[in-house]
Amino acid sequence: MNKLNLTQQSSDNKTDFLTGDVVVFTDPIKLGHLMTVHKVQGDGVLLDGNHNFALSHLVRPATVAEVLAKRRLTTAEQALAEVP
């Protein structure tokens, strides 16, 4: 009998986005504003009411601090946001 060991399964850090998710680009050179997922299409997402398209690996979910700031935070700002 072949038993499945979950700790040995590979994880590719793939994030599944849903319509309505708030995301930001991972690349700091790209625009830093928040975007809303309009539709998921294959390996990409349509953003902001079908006005922009991005591959899923180029965006990430926005943090709570970013949503409150209404923009992508820099690495330094994210570190400060984690300090109580």
PDB file of N, CA and C in Angstrom:
ATOM      1  N   MET A   1       0.846  -1.180   0.000  1.00  0.00           N
ATOM      2  CA  MET A   1       0.000   0.000   0.000  1.00  0.00           C
ATOM      3  C   MET A   1       0.894   1.247   0.000  1.00  0.00           C
ATOM      4  N   ASN A   2       0.620   2.161  -0.864  1.00  0.00           N
ATOM      5  CA  ASN A   2       1.401   3.389  -0.991  1.00  0.00           C
ATOM      6  C   ASN A   2       0.764   4.482  -0.141  1.00  0.00           C
ATOM      7  N   LYS A   3       1.478   4.921   0.899  1.00  0.00           N
ATOM      8  CA  LYS A   3       0.942   5.958   1.779  1.00  0.00           C
ATOM      9  C   LYS A   3       1.492   7.308   1.364  1.00  0.00           C
ATOM     10  N   LEU A   4       0.646   8.301   1.434  1.00  0.00           N
ATOM     11  CA  LEU A   4       1.022   9.659   1.066  1.00  0.00           C
ATOM     12  C   LEU A   4       1.586  10.375   2.280  1.00  0.00           C
ATOM     13  N   ASN A   5       2.770  10.925   2.152  1.00  0.00           N
ATOM     14  CA  ASN A   5       3.385  11.675   3.239  1.00  0.00           C
ATOM     15  C   ASN A   5       3.354  13.143   2.852  1.00  0.00           C
ATOM     16  N   LEU A   6       2.498  13.909   3.470  1.00  0.00           N
ATOM     17  CA  LEU A   6       2.299  15.300   3.101  1.00  0.00           C
ATOM     18  C   LEU A   6       3.543  16.148   3.288  1.00  0.00           C
ATOM     19  N   THR A   7       4.393  15.807   4.242  1.00  0.00           N
ATOM     20  CA  THR A   7       5.586  16.617   4.473  1.00  0.00           C
ATOM     21  C   THR A   7       6.599  16.476   3.343  1.00  0.00           C
ATOM     22  N   GLN A   8       6.463  15.446   2.522  1.00  0.00           N
ATOM     23  CA  GLN A   8       7.391  15.251   1.421  1.00  0.00           C
ATOM     24  C   GLN A   8       6.856  15.775   0.095  1.00  0.00           C
ATOM     25  N   GLN A   9       5.638  16.285   0.077  1.00  0.00           N
ATOM     26  CA  GLN A   9       5.098  16.830  -1.158  1.00  0.00           C
ATOM     27  C   GLN A   9       5.756  18.159  -1.465  1.00  0.00           C
ATOM     28  N   SER A  10       6.020  18.380  -2.736  1.00  0.00           N
ATOM     29  CA  SER A  10       6.666  19.634  -3.116  1.00  0.00           C
ATOM     30  C   SER A  10       5.656  20.773  -3.095  1.00  0.00           C
ATOM     31  N   SER A  11       6.172  21.948  -2.814  1.00  0.00           N
ATOM     32  CA  SER A  11       5.357  23.158  -2.814  1.00  0.00           C
ATOM     33  C   SER A  11       6.020  24.165  -3.731  1.00  0.00           C
ATOM     34  N   ASP A  12       5.265  24.645  -4.738  1.00  0.00           N
ATOM     35  CA  ASP A  12       5.856  25.596  -5.667  1.00  0.00           C
ATOM     36  C   ASP A  12       5.456  27.030  -5.336  1.00  0.00           C
ATOM     37  N   ASN A  13       4.924  27.255  -4.129  1.00  0.00           N
ATOM     38  CA  ASN A  13       4.524  28.585  -3.671  1.00  0.00           C
ATOM     39  C   ASN A  13       3.544  29.258  -4.622  1.00  0.00           C
ATOM     40  N   LYS A  14       2.772  28.485  -5.339  1.00  0.00           N
ATOM     41  CA  LYS A  14       1.790  29.035  -6.266  1.00  0.00           C
ATOM     42  C   LYS A  14       0.618  29.588  -5.465  1.00  0.00           C
ATOM     43  N   THR A  15       0.254  30.804  -5.768  1.00  0.00           N
ATOM     44  CA  THR A  15      -0.880  31.418  -5.107  1.00  0.00           C
ATOM     45  C   THR A  15      -2.061  31.380  -6.047  1.00  0.00           C
ATOM     46  N   ASP A  16      -3.174  30.894  -5.575  1.00  0.00           N
ATOM     47  CA  ASP A  16      -4.387  30.890  -6.375  1.00  0.00           C
ATOM     48  C   ASP A  16      -5.163  32.154  -6.071  1.00  0.00           C
ATOM     49  N   PHE A  17      -5.373  32.970  -7.081  1.00  0.00           N
ATOM     50  CA  PHE A  17      -6.100  34.214  -6.900  1.00  0.00           C
ATOM     51  C   PHE A  17      -7.575  33.998  -7.191  1.00  0.00           C
ATOM     52  N   LEU A  18      -8.396  34.798  -6.552  1.00  0.00           N
ATOM     53  CA  LEU A  18      -9.838  34.776  -6.760  1.00  0.00           C
ATOM     54  C   LEU A  18     -10.295  36.156  -7.194  1.00  0.00           C
ATOM     55  N   THR A  19     -11.398  36.208  -7.906  1.00  0.00           N
ATOM     56  CA  THR A  19     -11.978  37.487  -8.290  1.00  0.00           C
ATOM     57  C   THR A  19     -12.219  38.321  -7.038  1.00  0.00           C
ATOM     58  N   GLY A  20     -11.786  39.575  -7.077  1.00  0.00           N
ATOM     59  CA  GLY A  20     -11.949  40.474  -5.941  1.00  0.00           C
ATOM     60  C   GLY A  20     -10.721  40.598  -5.063  1.00  0.00           C
ATOM     61  N   ASP A  21      -9.730  39.707  -5.241  1.00  0.00           N
ATOM     62  CA  ASP A  21      -8.494  39.809  -4.458  1.00  0.00           C
ATOM     63  C   ASP A  21      -7.772  41.115  -4.775  1.00  0.00           C
ATOM     64  N   VAL A  22      -7.172  41.707  -3.764  1.00  0.00           N
ATOM     65  CA  VAL A  22      -6.371  42.919  -3.944  1.00  0.00           C
ATOM     66  C   VAL A  22      -4.913  42.486  -4.016  1.00  0.00           C
ATOM     67  N   VAL A  23      -4.232  42.895  -5.089  1.00  0.00           N
ATOM     68  CA  VAL A  23      -2.862  42.454  -5.336  1.00  0.00           C
ATOM     69  C   VAL A  23      -1.960  43.635  -5.667  1.00  0.00           C
ATOM     70  N   VAL A  24      -0.660  43.389  -5.602  1.00  0.00           N
ATOM     71  CA  VAL A  24       0.357  44.360  -6.016  1.00  0.00           C
ATOM     72  C   VAL A  24       1.412  43.612  -6.827  1.00  0.00           C
ATOM     73  N   PHE A  25       2.138  44.341  -7.675  1.00  0.00           N
ATOM     74  CA  PHE A  25       3.253  43.745  -8.398  1.00  0.00           C
ATOM     75  C   PHE A  25       4.373  43.432  -7.413  1.00  0.00           C
ATOM     76  N   THR A  26       5.094  42.343  -7.649  1.00  0.00           N
ATOM     77  CA  THR A  26       6.224  41.986  -6.792  1.00  0.00           C
ATOM     78  C   THR A  26       7.468  42.795  -7.139  1.00  0.00           C
ATOM     79  N   ASP A  27       7.580  43.253  -8.362  1.00  0.00           N
ATOM     80  CA  ASP A  27       8.741  44.019  -8.826  1.00  0.00           C
ATOM     81  C   ASP A  27       8.620  45.478  -8.390  1.00  0.00           C
ATOM     82  N   PRO A  28       9.579  45.979  -7.600  1.00  0.00           N
ATOM     83  CA  PRO A  28       9.487  47.365  -7.117  1.00  0.00           C
ATOM     84  C   PRO A  28       9.581  48.415  -8.224  1.00  0.00           C
ATOM     85  N   ILE A  29      10.034  48.021  -9.409  1.00  0.00           N
ATOM     86  CA  ILE A  29      10.103  48.968 -10.530  1.00  0.00           C
ATOM     87  C   ILE A  29       8.719  49.182 -11.155  1.00  0.00           C
ATOM     88  N   LYS A  30       7.855  48.199 -11.033  1.00  0.00           N
ATOM     89  CA  LYS A  30       6.496  48.303 -11.582  1.00  0.00           C
ATOM     90  C   LYS A  30       5.664  49.262 -10.737  1.00  0.00           C
ATOM     91  N   LEU A  31       4.492  49.601 -11.265  1.00  0.00           N
ATOM     92  CA  LEU A  31       3.568  50.481 -10.546  1.00  0.00           C
ATOM     93  C   LEU A  31       3.299  49.953  -9.146  1.00  0.00           C
ATOM     94  N   GLY A  32       3.152  50.854  -8.185  1.00  0.00           N
ATOM     95  CA  GLY A  32       2.979  50.456  -6.794  1.00  0.00           C
ATOM     96  C   GLY A  32       1.560  50.560  -6.280  1.00  0.00           C
ATOM     97  N   HIS A  33       0.605  50.807  -7.167  1.00  0.00           N
ATOM     98  CA  HIS A  33      -0.769  50.948  -6.688  1.00  0.00           C
ATOM     99  C   HIS A  33      -1.435  49.580  -6.515  1.00  0.00           C
ATOM    100  N   LEU A  34      -2.490  49.566  -5.738  1.00  0.00           N
ATOM    101  CA  LEU A  34      -3.245  48.339  -5.516  1.00  0.00           C
ATOM    102  C   LEU A  34      -4.099  48.046  -6.740  1.00  0.00           C
ATOM    103  N   MET A  35      -4.265  46.776  -7.034  1.00  0.00           N
ATOM    104  CA  MET A  35      -5.093  46.352  -8.156  1.00  0.00           C
ATOM    105  C   MET A  35      -6.039  45.266  -7.672  1.00  0.00           C
ATOM    106  N   THR A  36      -7.189  45.188  -8.288  1.00  0.00           N
ATOM    107  CA  THR A  36      -8.182  44.186  -7.930  1.00  0.00           C
ATOM    108  C   THR A  36      -8.278  43.155  -9.047  1.00  0.00           C
ATOM    109  N   VAL A  37      -8.268  41.880  -8.667  1.00  0.00           N
ATOM    110  CA  VAL A  37      -8.390  40.806  -9.649  1.00  0.00           C
ATOM    111  C   VAL A  37      -9.811  40.817 -10.197  1.00  0.00           C
ATOM    112  N   HIS A  38      -9.909  40.956 -11.512  1.00  0.00           N
ATOM    113  CA  HIS A  38     -11.207  40.955 -12.194  1.00  0.00           C
ATOM    114  C   HIS A  38     -11.583  39.533 -12.612  1.00  0.00           C
ATOM    115  N   LYS A  39     -10.579  38.804 -13.129  1.00  0.00           N
ATOM    116  CA  LYS A  39     -10.827  37.444 -13.604  1.00  0.00           C
ATOM    117  C   LYS A  39      -9.503  36.696 -13.650  1.00  0.00           C
ATOM    118  N   VAL A  40      -9.549  35.412 -13.326  1.00  0.00           N
ATOM    119  CA  VAL A  40      -8.368  34.558 -13.417  1.00  0.00           C
ATOM    120  C   VAL A  40      -8.427  33.843 -14.764  1.00  0.00           C
ATOM    121  N   GLN A  41      -7.315  33.915 -15.522  1.00  0.00           N
ATOM    122  CA  GLN A  41      -7.254  33.283 -16.839  1.00  0.00           C
ATOM    123  C   GLN A  41      -5.963  32.499 -16.970  1.00  0.00           C
ATOM    124  N   GLY A  42      -6.028  31.196 -16.916  1.00  0.00           N
ATOM    125  CA  GLY A  42      -4.834  30.368 -17.061  1.00  0.00           C
ATOM    126  C   GLY A  42      -3.789  30.705 -16.018  1.00  0.00           C
ATOM    127  N   ASP A  43      -2.597  31.085 -16.471  1.00  0.00           N
ATOM    128  CA  ASP A  43      -1.495  31.443 -15.571  1.00  0.00           C
ATOM    129  C   ASP A  43      -1.453  32.927 -15.270  1.00  0.00           C
ATOM    130  N   GLY A  44      -2.525  33.639 -15.551  1.00  0.00           N
ATOM    131  CA  GLY A  44      -2.530  35.081 -15.334  1.00  0.00           C
ATOM    132  C   GLY A  44      -3.833  35.567 -14.736  1.00  0.00           C
ATOM    133  N   VAL A  45      -3.867  36.866 -14.499  1.00  0.00           N
ATOM    134  CA  VAL A  45      -5.063  37.491 -13.941  1.00  0.00           C
ATOM    135  C   VAL A  45      -5.365  38.779 -14.700  1.00  0.00           C
ATOM    136  N   LEU A  46      -6.644  39.025 -14.925  1.00  0.00           N
ATOM    137  CA  LEU A  46      -7.090  40.299 -15.468  1.00  0.00           C
ATOM    138  C   LEU A  46      -7.330  41.208 -14.281  1.00  0.00           C
ATOM    139  N   LEU A  47      -6.819  42.428 -14.367  1.00  0.00           N
ATOM    140  CA  LEU A  47      -6.847  43.337 -13.229  1.00  0.00           C
ATOM    141  C   LEU A  47      -7.660  44.587 -13.525  1.00  0.00           C
ATOM    142  N   ASP A  48      -8.212  45.167 -12.473  1.00  0.00           N
ATOM    143  CA  ASP A  48      -8.886  46.466 -12.542  1.00  0.00           C
ATOM    144  C   ASP A  48      -9.928  46.528 -13.649  1.00  0.00           C
ATOM    145  N   GLY A  49     -10.912  45.660 -13.552  1.00  0.00           N
ATOM    146  CA  GLY A  49     -12.012  45.705 -14.508  1.00  0.00           C
ATOM    147  C   GLY A  49     -11.591  45.376 -15.924  1.00  0.00           C
ATOM    148  N   ASN A  50     -10.660  44.442 -16.082  1.00  0.00           N
ATOM    149  CA  ASN A  50     -10.234  43.965 -17.391  1.00  0.00           C
ATOM    150  C   ASN A  50      -9.358  44.969 -18.139  1.00  0.00           C
ATOM    151  N   HIS A  51      -8.726  45.907 -17.442  1.00  0.00           N
ATOM    152  CA  HIS A  51      -7.874  46.905 -18.092  1.00  0.00           C
ATOM    153  C   HIS A  51      -6.421  46.469 -18.175  1.00  0.00           C
ATOM    154  N   ASN A  52      -5.974  45.585 -17.298  1.00  0.00           N
ATOM    155  CA  ASN A  52      -4.580  45.136 -17.263  1.00  0.00           C
ATOM    156  C   ASN A  52      -4.536  43.622 -17.131  1.00  0.00           C
ATOM    157  N   PHE A  53      -3.457  43.034 -17.631  1.00  0.00           N
ATOM    158  CA  PHE A  53      -3.226  41.602 -17.494  1.00  0.00           C
ATOM    159  C   PHE A  53      -1.848  41.404 -16.880  1.00  0.00           C
ATOM    160  N   ALA A  54      -1.729  40.462 -15.962  1.00  0.00           N
ATOM    161  CA  ALA A  54      -0.427  40.137 -15.375  1.00  0.00           C
ATOM    162  C   ALA A  54      -0.341  38.631 -15.180  1.00  0.00           C
ATOM    163  N   LEU A  55       0.842  38.090 -15.376  1.00  0.00           N
ATOM    164  CA  LEU A  55       1.064  36.688 -15.050  1.00  0.00           C
ATOM    165  C   LEU A  55       1.015  36.538 -13.535  1.00  0.00           C
ATOM    166  N   SER A  56       0.456  35.445 -13.080  1.00  0.00           N
ATOM    167  CA  SER A  56       0.236  35.242 -11.642  1.00  0.00           C
ATOM    168  C   SER A  56       1.511  35.326 -10.816  1.00  0.00           C
ATOM    169  N   HIS A  57       2.644  34.907 -11.369  1.00  0.00           N
ATOM    170  CA  HIS A  57       3.888  34.929 -10.587  1.00  0.00           C
ATOM    171  C   HIS A  57       4.473  36.339 -10.458  1.00  0.00           C
ATOM    172  N   LEU A  58       3.900  37.318 -11.147  1.00  0.00           N
ATOM    173  CA  LEU A  58       4.395  38.696 -11.070  1.00  0.00           C
ATOM    174  C   LEU A  58       3.626  39.557 -10.073  1.00  0.00           C
ATOM    175  N   VAL A  59       2.574  38.997  -9.487  1.00  0.00           N
ATOM    176  CA  VAL A  59       1.794  39.727  -8.489  1.00  0.00           C
ATOM    177  C   VAL A  59       1.671  38.882  -7.235  1.00  0.00           C
ATOM    178  N   ARG A  60       1.361  39.550  -6.138  1.00  0.00           N
ATOM    179  CA  ARG A  60       1.147  38.845  -4.866  1.00  0.00           C
ATOM    180  C   ARG A  60      -0.015  39.527  -4.149  1.00  0.00           C
ATOM    181  N   PRO A  61      -0.622  38.827  -3.199  1.00  0.00           N
ATOM    182  CA  PRO A  61      -1.695  39.475  -2.431  1.00  0.00           C
ATOM    183  C   PRO A  61      -1.162  40.671  -1.657  1.00  0.00           C
ATOM    184  N   ALA A  62      -1.928  41.728  -1.615  1.00  0.00           N
ATOM    185  CA  ALA A  62      -1.552  42.907  -0.828  1.00  0.00           C
ATOM    186  C   ALA A  62      -1.714  42.583   0.654  1.00  0.00           C
ATOM    187  N   THR A  63      -0.815  43.119   1.469  1.00  0.00           N
ATOM    188  CA  THR A  63      -0.913  42.929   2.916  1.00  0.00           C
ATOM    189  C   THR A  63      -1.964  43.885   3.476  1.00  0.00           C
ATOM    190  N   VAL A  64      -2.358  43.657   4.707  1.00  0.00           N
ATOM    191  CA  VAL A  64      -3.316  44.551   5.365  1.00  0.00           C
ATOM    192  C   VAL A  64      -2.745  45.963   5.436  1.00  0.00           C
ATOM    193  N   ALA A  65      -1.456  46.073   5.770  1.00  0.00           N
ATOM    194  CA  ALA A  65      -0.812  47.391   5.851  1.00  0.00           C
ATOM    195  C   ALA A  65      -0.845  48.097   4.496  1.00  0.00           C
ATOM    196  N   GLU A  66      -0.663  47.346   3.415  1.00  0.00           N
ATOM    197  CA  GLU A  66      -0.708  47.941   2.080  1.00  0.00           C
ATOM    198  C   GLU A  66      -2.113  48.393   1.718  1.00  0.00           C
ATOM    199  N   VAL A  67      -3.094  47.616   2.089  1.00  0.00           N
ATOM    200  CA  VAL A  67      -4.481  48.014   1.823  1.00  0.00           C
ATOM    201  C   VAL A  67      -4.802  49.296   2.586  1.00  0.00           C
ATOM    202  N   LEU A  68      -4.362  49.386   3.829  1.00  0.00           N
ATOM    203  CA  LEU A  68      -4.602  50.596   4.619  1.00  0.00           C
ATOM    204  C   LEU A  68      -3.857  51.797   4.041  1.00  0.00           C
ATOM    205  N   ALA A  69      -2.653  51.564   3.512  1.00  0.00           N
ATOM    206  CA  ALA A  69      -1.854  52.643   2.925  1.00  0.00           C
ATOM    207  C   ALA A  69      -2.280  52.952   1.484  1.00  0.00           C
ATOM    208  N   LYS A  70      -3.080  52.060   0.901  1.00  0.00           N
ATOM    209  CA  LYS A  70      -3.580  52.201  -0.475  1.00  0.00           C
ATOM    210  C   LYS A  70      -2.462  52.203  -1.515  1.00  0.00           C
ATOM    211  N   ARG A  71      -1.378  51.453  -1.218  1.00  0.00           N
ATOM    212  CA  ARG A  71      -0.256  51.329  -2.158  1.00  0.00           C
ATOM    213  C   ARG A  71       0.653  50.194  -1.693  1.00  0.00           C
ATOM    214  N   ARG A  72       1.547  49.747  -2.600  1.00  0.00           N
ATOM    215  CA  ARG A  72       2.539  48.733  -2.221  1.00  0.00           C
ATOM    216  C   ARG A  72       3.574  49.387  -1.310  1.00  0.00           C
ATOM    217  N   LEU A  73       3.923  48.719  -0.235  1.00  0.00           N
ATOM    218  CA  LEU A  73       4.933  49.233   0.684  1.00  0.00           C
ATOM    219  C   LEU A  73       6.311  48.728   0.278  1.00  0.00           C
ATOM    220  N   THR A  74       7.327  49.523   0.563  1.00  0.00           N
ATOM    221  CA  THR A  74       8.698  49.083   0.326  1.00  0.00           C
ATOM    222  C   THR A  74       9.041  48.004   1.348  1.00  0.00           C
ATOM    223  N   THR A  75      10.150  47.330   1.131  1.00  0.00           N
ATOM    224  CA  THR A  75      10.596  46.298   2.073  1.00  0.00           C
ATOM    225  C   THR A  75      10.812  46.887   3.459  1.00  0.00           C
ATOM    226  N   ALA A  76      11.402  48.082   3.522  1.00  0.00           N
ATOM    227  CA  ALA A  76      11.639  48.739   4.815  1.00  0.00           C
ATOM    228  C   ALA A  76      10.318  49.093   5.489  1.00  0.00           C
ATOM    229  N   GLU A  77       9.365  49.600   4.724  1.00  0.00           N
ATOM    230  CA  GLU A  77       8.056  49.949   5.293  1.00  0.00           C
ATOM    231  C   GLU A  77       7.329  48.708   5.781  1.00  0.00           C
ATOM    232  N   GLN A  78       7.459  47.610   5.055  1.00  0.00           N
ATOM    233  CA  GLN A  78       6.825  46.365   5.492  1.00  0.00           C
ATOM    234  C   GLN A  78       7.430  45.888   6.803  1.00  0.00           C
ATOM    235  N   ALA A  79       8.737  46.026   6.946  1.00  0.00           N
ATOM    236  CA  ALA A  79       9.405  45.627   8.189  1.00  0.00           C
ATOM    237  C   ALA A  79       8.914  46.481   9.350  1.00  0.00           C
ATOM    238  N   LEU A  80       8.758  47.775   9.125  1.00  0.00           N
ATOM    239  CA  LEU A  80       8.257  48.663  10.177  1.00  0.00           C
ATOM    240  C   LEU A  80       6.804  48.367  10.517  1.00  0.00           C
ATOM    241  N   ALA A  81       6.025  47.984   9.526  1.00  0.00           N
ATOM    242  CA  ALA A  81       4.608  47.688   9.750  1.00  0.00           C
ATOM    243  C   ALA A  81       4.427  46.458  10.626  1.00  0.00           C
ATOM    244  N   GLU A  82       5.417  45.573  10.652  1.00  0.00           N
ATOM    245  CA  GLU A  82       5.329  44.358  11.457  1.00  0.00           C
ATOM    246  C   GLU A  82       5.693  44.588  12.913  1.00  0.00           C
ATOM    247  N   VAL A  83       6.293  45.724  13.220  1.00  0.00           N
ATOM    248  CA  VAL A  83       6.693  46.027  14.596  1.00  0.00           C
ATOM    249  C   VAL A  83       5.517  46.671  15.316  1.00  0.00           C
ATOM    250  N   PRO A  84       5.129  46.129  16.475  1.00  0.00           N
ATOM    251  CA  PRO A  84       3.981  46.716  17.196  1.00  0.00           C
ATOM    252  C   PRO A  84       4.284  48.086  17.769  1.00  0.00           C
TER     253      PRO A  84
END
